[in-house]
Every structure is written in structure tokens, then in C-alpha cells.
Amino acid sequence: MCSSLETLSRIARVIAERVGANVTAEELRRATRLDQLIGLDSIAALELVVGLEREFAIRFEPACMDREFLMDLIGLVNYLDQKCGVQQQ
């Protein structure tokens, strides 16, 4: 199980490891869009997806594989929390 804060920390770790950008969970918490913090070309976006799938032991649904979905941090965190079984408040 994960929580939103833990989810942000895990996303930050994946970004650092897979994309090579150094962002903190705190920076992610203050941002609403990932592209406000880092630039992602199509290869980096694919690396992010693969890293998130491995980190969270999930598979992204095909509808969630577009760039706009990945850039929306609130939606991404909610999606990952849902996949982890976190109850939304």
C-alpha cells in the first residue's frame, strides 16, 4: 500500500533513476504538472512509464499512456494511489 506522500517520493526516485533529473518529493508536491519541473521527450516519457510500472508493480492502461496524462501530477498520483489501493479522501 502507498500514500500520496509516499507516492510522490517514489515518483521522484523513478525520475532520478530513469530520466536522470533530480527532483524532490517536495518539489513535486508544489507542482501541478511534471513538465513544470523537467522536460520529457518521448524516450524519457517511455523511461518514466517503465520505471513507474516497475516501482509500483502495475501496468498503465493504454488510455493513460499519453503525454498529457503523464504531465498531470495530481492525476498521476491519484492513478498510482488507486492502483495501490489507497482510499481517496
PDB file of N, CA and C in Angstrom:
ATOM      1  N   MET A   1       0.845  -1.178   0.000  1.00  0.00           N
ATOM      2  CA  MET A   1       0.000   0.000   0.000  1.00  0.00           C
ATOM      3  C   MET A   1       0.888   1.237   0.000  1.00  0.00           C
ATOM      4  N   CYS A   2       0.407   2.314  -0.581  1.00  0.00           N
ATOM      5  CA  CYS A   2       1.160   3.555  -0.602  1.00  0.00           C
ATOM      6  C   CYS A   2       0.220   4.716  -0.297  1.00  0.00           C
ATOM      7  N   SER A   3       0.785   5.836   0.043  1.00  0.00           N
ATOM      8  CA  SER A   3       0.015   7.053   0.274  1.00  0.00           C
ATOM      9  C   SER A   3       0.497   8.109  -0.705  1.00  0.00           C
ATOM     10  N   SER A   4      -0.216   9.192  -0.791  1.00  0.00           N
ATOM     11  CA  SER A   4       0.153  10.233  -1.748  1.00  0.00           C
ATOM     12  C   SER A   4       1.558  10.765  -1.511  1.00  0.00           C
ATOM     13  N   LEU A   5       1.949  11.007  -0.253  1.00  0.00           N
ATOM     14  CA  LEU A   5       3.300  11.495   0.025  1.00  0.00           C
ATOM     15  C   LEU A   5       4.342  10.455  -0.330  1.00  0.00           C
ATOM     16  N   GLU A   6       4.065   9.220   0.007  1.00  0.00           N
ATOM     17  CA  GLU A   6       4.982   8.143  -0.358  1.00  0.00           C
ATOM     18  C   GLU A   6       5.035   7.999  -1.876  1.00  0.00           C
ATOM     19  N   THR A   7       3.897   8.151  -2.520  1.00  0.00           N
ATOM     20  CA  THR A   7       3.830   8.064  -3.973  1.00  0.00           C
ATOM     21  C   THR A   7       4.707   9.131  -4.609  1.00  0.00           C
ATOM     22  N   LEU A   8       4.642  10.366  -4.109  1.00  0.00           N
ATOM     23  CA  LEU A   8       5.481  11.448  -4.640  1.00  0.00           C
ATOM     24  C   LEU A   8       6.959  11.127  -4.464  1.00  0.00           C
ATOM     25  N   SER A   9       7.331  10.568  -3.322  1.00  0.00           N
ATOM     26  CA  SER A   9       8.729  10.193  -3.088  1.00  0.00           C
ATOM     27  C   SER A   9       9.176   9.122  -4.074  1.00  0.00           C
ATOM     28  N   ARG A  10       8.300   8.179  -4.320  1.00  0.00           N
ATOM     29  CA  ARG A  10       8.639   7.104  -5.241  1.00  0.00           C
ATOM     30  C   ARG A  10       8.725   7.609  -6.681  1.00  0.00           C
ATOM     31  N   ILE A  11       7.827   8.530  -7.049  1.00  0.00           N
ATOM     32  CA  ILE A  11       7.891   9.137  -8.388  1.00  0.00           C
ATOM     33  C   ILE A  11       9.204   9.896  -8.541  1.00  0.00           C
ATOM     34  N   ALA A  12       9.580  10.666  -7.513  1.00  0.00           N
ATOM     35  CA  ALA A  12      10.846  11.423  -7.559  1.00  0.00           C
ATOM     36  C   ALA A  12      12.029  10.485  -7.745  1.00  0.00           C
ATOM     37  N   ARG A  13      12.017   9.348  -7.058  1.00  0.00           N
ATOM     38  CA  ARG A  13      13.104   8.377  -7.181  1.00  0.00           C
ATOM     39  C   ARG A  13      13.167   7.808  -8.604  1.00  0.00           C
ATOM     40  N   VAL A  14      12.005   7.492  -9.171  1.00  0.00           N
ATOM     41  CA  VAL A  14      11.961   6.961 -10.536  1.00  0.00           C
ATOM     42  C   VAL A  14      12.476   8.000 -11.528  1.00  0.00           C
ATOM     43  N   ILE A  15      12.082   9.247 -11.340  1.00  0.00           N
ATOM     44  CA  ILE A  15      12.544  10.310 -12.229  1.00  0.00           C
ATOM     45  C   ILE A  15      14.066  10.415 -12.174  1.00  0.00           C
ATOM     46  N   ALA A  16      14.615  10.380 -10.973  1.00  0.00           N
ATOM     47  CA  ALA A  16      16.074  10.482 -10.825  1.00  0.00           C
ATOM     48  C   ALA A  16      16.780   9.291 -11.470  1.00  0.00           C
ATOM     49  N   GLU A  17      16.255   8.089 -11.227  1.00  0.00           N
ATOM     50  CA  GLU A  17      16.918   6.879 -11.719  1.00  0.00           C
ATOM     51  C   GLU A  17      16.731   6.660 -13.216  1.00  0.00           C
ATOM     52  N   ARG A  18      15.533   6.883 -13.712  1.00  0.00           N
ATOM     53  CA  ARG A  18      15.224   6.538 -15.100  1.00  0.00           C
ATOM     54  C   ARG A  18      15.407   7.690 -16.083  1.00  0.00           C
ATOM     55  N   VAL A  19      15.138   8.923 -15.605  1.00  0.00           N
ATOM     56  CA  VAL A  19      15.178  10.071 -16.503  1.00  0.00           C
ATOM     57  C   VAL A  19      16.432  10.907 -16.273  1.00  0.00           C
ATOM     58  N   GLY A  20      17.033  10.765 -15.104  1.00  0.00           N
ATOM     59  CA  GLY A  20      18.253  11.495 -14.804  1.00  0.00           C
ATOM     60  C   GLY A  20      18.029  12.912 -14.328  1.00  0.00           C
ATOM     61  N   ALA A  21      16.798  13.259 -13.988  1.00  0.00           N
ATOM     62  CA  ALA A  21      16.501  14.596 -13.468  1.00  0.00           C
ATOM     63  C   ALA A  21      16.400  14.514 -11.952  1.00  0.00           C
ATOM     64  N   ASN A  22      16.986  15.479 -11.295  1.00  0.00           N
ATOM     65  CA  ASN A  22      16.994  15.487  -9.846  1.00  0.00           C
ATOM     66  C   ASN A  22      15.862  16.362  -9.330  1.00  0.00           C
ATOM     67  N   VAL A  23      14.772  15.744  -8.894  1.00  0.00           N
ATOM     68  CA  VAL A  23      13.659  16.461  -8.284  1.00  0.00           C
ATOM     69  C   VAL A  23      13.345  15.802  -6.949  1.00  0.00           C
ATOM     70  N   THR A  24      12.821  16.592  -6.037  1.00  0.00           N
ATOM     71  CA  THR A  24      12.462  16.067  -4.727  1.00  0.00           C
ATOM     72  C   THR A  24      10.957  15.889  -4.634  1.00  0.00           C
ATOM     73  N   ALA A  25      10.541  15.115  -3.656  1.00  0.00           N
ATOM     74  CA  ALA A  25       9.108  14.944  -3.410  1.00  0.00           C
ATOM     75  C   ALA A  25       8.474  16.290  -3.077  1.00  0.00           C
ATOM     76  N   GLU A  26       9.202  17.140  -2.374  1.00  0.00           N
ATOM     77  CA  GLU A  26       8.688  18.468  -2.027  1.00  0.00           C
ATOM     78  C   GLU A  26       8.459  19.308  -3.282  1.00  0.00           C
ATOM     79  N   GLU A  27       9.382  19.259  -4.230  1.00  0.00           N
ATOM     80  CA  GLU A  27       9.195  19.984  -5.490  1.00  0.00           C
ATOM     81  C   GLU A  27       7.987  19.440  -6.248  1.00  0.00           C
ATOM     82  N   LEU A  28       7.823  18.130  -6.227  1.00  0.00           N
ATOM     83  CA  LEU A  28       6.666  17.525  -6.883  1.00  0.00           C
ATOM     84  C   LEU A  28       5.372  17.944  -6.189  1.00  0.00           C
ATOM     85  N   ARG A  29       5.404  18.023  -4.867  1.00  0.00           N
ATOM     86  CA  ARG A  29       4.212  18.388  -4.103  1.00  0.00           C
ATOM     87  C   ARG A  29       3.740  19.803  -4.456  1.00  0.00           C
ATOM     88  N   ARG A  30       4.679  20.695  -4.710  1.00  0.00           N
ATOM     89  CA  ARG A  30       4.339  22.094  -5.026  1.00  0.00           C
ATOM     90  C   ARG A  30       3.924  22.280  -6.480  1.00  0.00           C
ATOM     91  N   ALA A  31       4.273  21.367  -7.349  1.00  0.00           N
ATOM     92  CA  ALA A  31       3.963  21.498  -8.781  1.00  0.00           C
ATOM     93  C   ALA A  31       2.639  20.806  -9.099  1.00  0.00           C
ATOM     94  N   THR A  32       2.006  21.251 -10.153  1.00  0.00           N
ATOM     95  CA  THR A  32       0.804  20.564 -10.619  1.00  0.00           C
ATOM     96  C   THR A  32       1.070  19.785 -11.894  1.00  0.00           C
ATOM     97  N   ARG A  33       2.148  20.171 -12.575  1.00  0.00           N
ATOM     98  CA  ARG A  33       2.499  19.489 -13.816  1.00  0.00           C
ATOM     99  C   ARG A  33       3.969  19.106 -13.797  1.00  0.00           C
ATOM    100  N   LEU A  34       4.238  17.921 -14.263  1.00  0.00           N
ATOM    101  CA  LEU A  34       5.601  17.426 -14.296  1.00  0.00           C
ATOM    102  C   LEU A  34       6.475  18.244 -15.243  1.00  0.00           C
ATOM    103  N   ASP A  35       5.889  18.717 -16.344  1.00  0.00           N
ATOM    104  CA  ASP A  35       6.683  19.492 -17.288  1.00  0.00           C
ATOM    105  C   ASP A  35       7.043  20.886 -16.767  1.00  0.00           C
ATOM    106  N   GLN A  36       6.522  21.276 -15.606  1.00  0.00           N
ATOM    107  CA  GLN A  36       6.969  22.499 -14.947  1.00  0.00           C
ATOM    108  C   GLN A  36       8.360  22.298 -14.345  1.00  0.00           C
ATOM    109  N   LEU A  37       8.703  21.050 -14.059  1.00  0.00           N
ATOM    110  CA  LEU A  37       9.960  20.727 -13.388  1.00  0.00           C
ATOM    111  C   LEU A  37      11.014  20.161 -14.323  1.00  0.00           C
ATOM    112  N   ILE A  38      10.599  19.287 -15.216  1.00  0.00           N
ATOM    113  CA  ILE A  38      11.552  18.627 -16.104  1.00  0.00           C
ATOM    114  C   ILE A  38      10.983  18.550 -17.514  1.00  0.00           C
ATOM    115  N   GLY A  39      11.864  18.502 -18.479  1.00  0.00           N
ATOM    116  CA  GLY A  39      11.450  18.294 -19.856  1.00  0.00           C
ATOM    117  C   GLY A  39      11.508  16.809 -20.177  1.00  0.00           C
ATOM    118  N   LEU A  40      10.491  16.316 -20.818  1.00  0.00           N
ATOM    119  CA  LEU A  40      10.465  14.906 -21.190  1.00  0.00           C
ATOM    120  C   LEU A  40      10.243  14.775 -22.688  1.00  0.00           C
ATOM    121  N   ASP A  41      11.232  14.222 -23.379  1.00  0.00           N
ATOM    122  CA  ASP A  41      10.982  13.869 -24.771  1.00  0.00           C
ATOM    123  C   ASP A  41      10.287  12.512 -24.772  1.00  0.00           C
ATOM    124  N   SER A  42       9.996  11.992 -25.924  1.00  0.00           N
ATOM    125  CA  SER A  42       9.222  10.746 -25.988  1.00  0.00           C
ATOM    126  C   SER A  42       9.977   9.568 -25.375  1.00  0.00           C
ATOM    127  N   ILE A  43      11.279   9.525 -25.524  1.00  0.00           N
ATOM    128  CA  ILE A  43      12.065   8.431 -24.947  1.00  0.00           C
ATOM    129  C   ILE A  43      12.085   8.542 -23.422  1.00  0.00           C
ATOM    130  N   ALA A  44      12.273   9.753 -22.906  1.00  0.00           N
ATOM    131  CA  ALA A  44      12.268   9.950 -21.451  1.00  0.00           C
ATOM    132  C   ALA A  44      10.891   9.630 -20.874  1.00  0.00           C
ATOM    133  N   ALA A  45       9.822   9.974 -21.587  1.00  0.00           N
ATOM    134  CA  ALA A  45       8.472   9.652 -21.130  1.00  0.00           C
ATOM    135  C   ALA A  45       8.280   8.141 -21.053  1.00  0.00           C
ATOM    136  N   LEU A  46       8.793   7.422 -22.047  1.00  0.00           N
ATOM    137  CA  LEU A  46       8.714   5.963 -22.033  1.00  0.00           C
ATOM    138  C   LEU A  46       9.523   5.388 -20.870  1.00  0.00           C
ATOM    139  N   GLU A  47      10.701   5.933 -20.624  1.00  0.00           N
ATOM    140  CA  GLU A  47      11.514   5.505 -19.478  1.00  0.00           C
ATOM    141  C   GLU A  47      10.767   5.736 -18.168  1.00  0.00           C
ATOM    142  N   LEU A  48      10.084   6.876 -18.073  1.00  0.00           N
ATOM    143  CA  LEU A  48       9.300   7.174 -16.876  1.00  0.00           C
ATOM    144  C   LEU A  48       8.198   6.148 -16.681  1.00  0.00           C
ATOM    145  N   VAL A  49       7.472   5.831 -17.739  1.00  0.00           N
ATOM    146  CA  VAL A  49       6.385   4.850 -17.656  1.00  0.00           C
ATOM    147  C   VAL A  49       6.923   3.492 -17.214  1.00  0.00           C
ATOM    148  N   VAL A  50       7.997   3.036 -17.854  1.00  0.00           N
ATOM    149  CA  VAL A  50       8.586   1.738 -17.498  1.00  0.00           C
ATOM    150  C   VAL A  50       9.047   1.751 -16.039  1.00  0.00           C
ATOM    151  N   GLY A  51       9.685   2.835 -15.628  1.00  0.00           N
ATOM    152  CA  GLY A  51      10.141   2.940 -14.248  1.00  0.00           C
ATOM    153  C   GLY A  51       8.993   2.934 -13.256  1.00  0.00           C
ATOM    154  N   LEU A  52       7.921   3.658 -13.570  1.00  0.00           N
ATOM    155  CA  LEU A  52       6.763   3.685 -12.673  1.00  0.00           C
ATOM    156  C   LEU A  52       6.085   2.318 -12.617  1.00  0.00           C
ATOM    157  N   GLU A  53       5.983   1.650 -13.755  1.00  0.00           N
ATOM    158  CA  GLU A  53       5.384   0.308 -13.761  1.00  0.00           C
ATOM    159  C   GLU A  53       6.182  -0.643 -12.883  1.00  0.00           C
ATOM    160  N   ARG A  54       7.489  -0.571 -12.948  1.00  0.00           N
ATOM    161  CA  ARG A  54       8.329  -1.443 -12.120  1.00  0.00           C
ATOM    162  C   ARG A  54       8.256  -1.047 -10.648  1.00  0.00           C
ATOM    163  N   GLU A  55       8.335   0.247 -10.374  1.00  0.00           N
ATOM    164  CA  GLU A  55       8.319   0.735  -8.992  1.00  0.00           C
ATOM    165  C   GLU A  55       7.021   0.375  -8.276  1.00  0.00           C
ATOM    166  N   PHE A  56       5.899   0.527  -8.978  1.00  0.00           N
ATOM    167  CA  PHE A  56       4.595   0.319  -8.355  1.00  0.00           C
ATOM    168  C   PHE A  56       4.000  -1.058  -8.670  1.00  0.00           C
ATOM    169  N   ALA A  57       4.723  -1.866  -9.440  1.00  0.00           N
ATOM    170  CA  ALA A  57       4.265  -3.212  -9.820  1.00  0.00           C
ATOM    171  C   ALA A  57       2.865  -3.154 -10.434  1.00  0.00           C
ATOM    172  N   ILE A  58       2.729  -2.268 -11.422  1.00  0.00           N
ATOM    173  CA  ILE A  58       1.455  -2.089 -12.118  1.00  0.00           C
ATOM    174  C   ILE A  58       1.702  -2.085 -13.613  1.00  0.00           C
ATOM    175  N   ARG A  59       0.629  -2.035 -14.357  1.00  0.00           N
ATOM    176  CA  ARG A  59       0.670  -1.795 -15.795  1.00  0.00           C
ATOM    177  C   ARG A  59      -0.238  -0.603 -16.065  1.00  0.00           C
ATOM    178  N   PHE A  60       0.275   0.382 -16.804  1.00  0.00           N
ATOM    179  CA  PHE A  60      -0.556   1.510 -17.189  1.00  0.00           C
ATOM    180  C   PHE A  60      -1.570   1.046 -18.217  1.00  0.00           C
ATOM    181  N   GLU A  61      -2.800   1.492 -18.068  1.00  0.00           N
ATOM    182  CA  GLU A  61      -3.825   1.210 -19.061  1.00  0.00           C
ATOM    183  C   GLU A  61      -3.492   2.014 -20.318  1.00  0.00           C
ATOM    184  N   PRO A  62      -3.792   1.486 -21.495  1.00  0.00           N
ATOM    185  CA  PRO A  62      -3.447   2.189 -22.732  1.00  0.00           C
ATOM    186  C   PRO A  62      -3.951   3.634 -22.779  1.00  0.00           C
ATOM    187  N   ALA A  63      -5.108   3.903 -22.211  1.00  0.00           N
ATOM    188  CA  ALA A  63      -5.662   5.260 -22.219  1.00  0.00           C
ATOM    189  C   ALA A  63      -4.810   6.230 -21.403  1.00  0.00           C
ATOM    190  N   CYS A  64      -3.976   5.709 -20.521  1.00  0.00           N
ATOM    191  CA  CYS A  64      -3.144   6.547 -19.652  1.00  0.00           C
ATOM    192  C   CYS A  64      -1.734   6.731 -20.188  1.00  0.00           C
ATOM    193  N   MET A  65      -1.481   6.296 -21.380  1.00  0.00           N
ATOM    194  CA  MET A  65      -0.132   6.332 -21.922  1.00  0.00           C
ATOM    195  C   MET A  65       0.171   7.593 -22.728  1.00  0.00           C
ATOM    196  N   ASP A  66      -0.718   8.581 -22.694  1.00  0.00           N
ATOM    197  CA  ASP A  66      -0.408   9.782 -23.462  1.00  0.00           C
ATOM    198  C   ASP A  66       0.350  10.801 -22.611  1.00  0.00           C
ATOM    199  N   ARG A  67       1.043  11.668 -23.271  1.00  0.00           N
ATOM    200  CA  ARG A  67       1.910  12.644 -22.614  1.00  0.00           C
ATOM    201  C   ARG A  67       1.138  13.544 -21.653  1.00  0.00           C
ATOM    202  N   GLU A  68      -0.045  13.960 -22.042  1.00  0.00           N
ATOM    203  CA  GLU A  68      -0.833  14.864 -21.206  1.00  0.00           C
ATOM    204  C   GLU A  68      -1.172  14.216 -19.861  1.00  0.00           C
ATOM    205  N   PHE A  69      -1.505  12.937 -19.866  1.00  0.00           N
ATOM    206  CA  PHE A  69      -1.790  12.231 -18.622  1.00  0.00           C
ATOM    207  C   PHE A  69      -0.551  12.177 -17.735  1.00  0.00           C
ATOM    208  N   LEU A  70       0.595  11.872 -18.318  1.00  0.00           N
ATOM    209  CA  LEU A  70       1.828  11.754 -17.547  1.00  0.00           C
ATOM    210  C   LEU A  70       2.284  13.083 -16.952  1.00  0.00           C
ATOM    211  N   MET A  71       1.970  14.190 -17.604  1.00  0.00           N
ATOM    212  CA  MET A  71       2.402  15.502 -17.119  1.00  0.00           C
ATOM    213  C   MET A  71       1.539  16.008 -15.963  1.00  0.00           C
ATOM    214  N   ASP A  72       0.313  15.510 -15.843  1.00  0.00           N
ATOM    215  CA  ASP A  72      -0.614  15.936 -14.792  1.00  0.00           C
ATOM    216  C   ASP A  72      -0.268  15.209 -13.494  1.00  0.00           C
ATOM    217  N   LEU A  73       0.478  15.865 -12.623  1.00  0.00           N
ATOM    218  CA  LEU A  73       0.950  15.206 -11.397  1.00  0.00           C
ATOM    219  C   LEU A  73      -0.186  14.763 -10.478  1.00  0.00           C
ATOM    220  N   ILE A  74      -1.203  15.598 -10.345  1.00  0.00           N
ATOM    221  CA  ILE A  74      -2.316  15.238  -9.469  1.00  0.00           C
ATOM    222  C   ILE A  74      -3.005  13.987  -9.995  1.00  0.00           C
ATOM    223  N   GLY A  75      -3.277  13.965 -11.289  1.00  0.00           N
ATOM    224  CA  GLY A  75      -3.909  12.796 -11.887  1.00  0.00           C
ATOM    225  C   GLY A  75      -3.029  11.558 -11.813  1.00  0.00           C
ATOM    226  N   LEU A  76      -1.724  11.746 -12.028  1.00  0.00           N
ATOM    227  CA  LEU A  76      -0.784  10.625 -11.970  1.00  0.00           C
ATOM    228  C   LEU A  76      -0.712  10.040 -10.568  1.00  0.00           C
ATOM    229  N   VAL A  77      -0.602  10.901  -9.559  1.00  0.00           N
ATOM    230  CA  VAL A  77      -0.566  10.427  -8.164  1.00  0.00           C
ATOM    231  C   VAL A  77      -1.870   9.717  -7.816  1.00  0.00           C
ATOM    232  N   ASN A  78      -2.993  10.305  -8.189  1.00  0.00           N
ATOM    233  CA  ASN A  78      -4.282   9.657  -7.906  1.00  0.00           C
ATOM    234  C   ASN A  78      -4.383   8.299  -8.587  1.00  0.00           C
ATOM    235  N   TYR A  79      -3.918   8.215  -9.815  1.00  0.00           N
ATOM    236  CA  TYR A  79      -3.947   6.953 -10.558  1.00  0.00           C
ATOM    237  C   TYR A  79      -3.084   5.901  -9.866  1.00  0.00           C
ATOM    238  N   LEU A  80      -1.861   6.297  -9.492  1.00  0.00           N
ATOM    239  CA  LEU A  80      -0.962   5.345  -8.836  1.00  0.00           C
ATOM    240  C   LEU A  80      -1.488   4.948  -7.456  1.00  0.00           C
ATOM    241  N   ASP A  81      -2.039   5.906  -6.716  1.00  0.00           N
ATOM    242  CA  ASP A  81      -2.635   5.579  -5.421  1.00  0.00           C
ATOM    243  C   ASP A  81      -3.796   4.599  -5.588  1.00  0.00           C
ATOM    244  N   GLN A  82      -4.613   4.835  -6.603  1.00  0.00           N
ATOM    245  CA  GLN A  82      -5.736   3.945  -6.865  1.00  0.00           C
ATOM    246  C   GLN A  82      -5.234   2.542  -7.193  1.00  0.00           C
ATOM    247  N   LYS A  83      -4.214   2.469  -8.032  1.00  0.00           N
ATOM    248  CA  LYS A  83      -3.649   1.167  -8.390  1.00  0.00           C
ATOM    249  C   LYS A  83      -3.063   0.458  -7.153  1.00  0.00           C
ATOM    250  N   CYS A  84      -2.583   1.253  -6.184  1.00  0.00           N
ATOM    251  CA  CYS A  84      -2.022   0.690  -4.949  1.00  0.00           C
ATOM    252  C   CYS A  84      -3.096   0.390  -3.912  1.00  0.00           C
ATOM    253  N   GLY A  85      -4.335   0.798  -4.206  1.00  0.00           N
ATOM    254  CA  GLY A  85      -5.417   0.526  -3.282  1.00  0.00           C
ATOM    255  C   GLY A  85      -5.599   1.554  -2.179  1.00  0.00           C
ATOM    256  N   VAL A  86      -5.082   2.766  -2.364  1.00  0.00           N
ATOM    257  CA  VAL A  86      -5.244   3.817  -1.363  1.00  0.00           C
ATOM    258  C   VAL A  86      -6.634   4.401  -1.491  1.00  0.00           C
ATOM    259  N   GLN A  87      -7.311   4.567  -0.371  1.00  0.00           N
ATOM    260  CA  GLN A  87      -8.621   5.190  -0.356  1.00  0.00           C
ATOM    261  C   GLN A  87      -8.486   6.696  -0.498  1.00  0.00           C
ATOM    262  N   GLN A  88      -9.196   7.278  -1.447  1.00  0.00           N
ATOM    263  CA  GLN A  88      -9.163   8.732  -1.635  1.00  0.00           C
ATOM    264  C   GLN A  88     -10.036   9.382  -0.574  1.00  0.00           C
ATOM    265  N   GLN A  89      -9.566  10.524  -0.040  1.00  0.00           N
ATOM    266  CA  GLN A  89     -10.331  11.224   0.998  1.00  0.00           C
ATOM    267  C   GLN A  89     -10.951  12.466   0.435  1.00  0.00           C
TER     268      GLN A  89
END
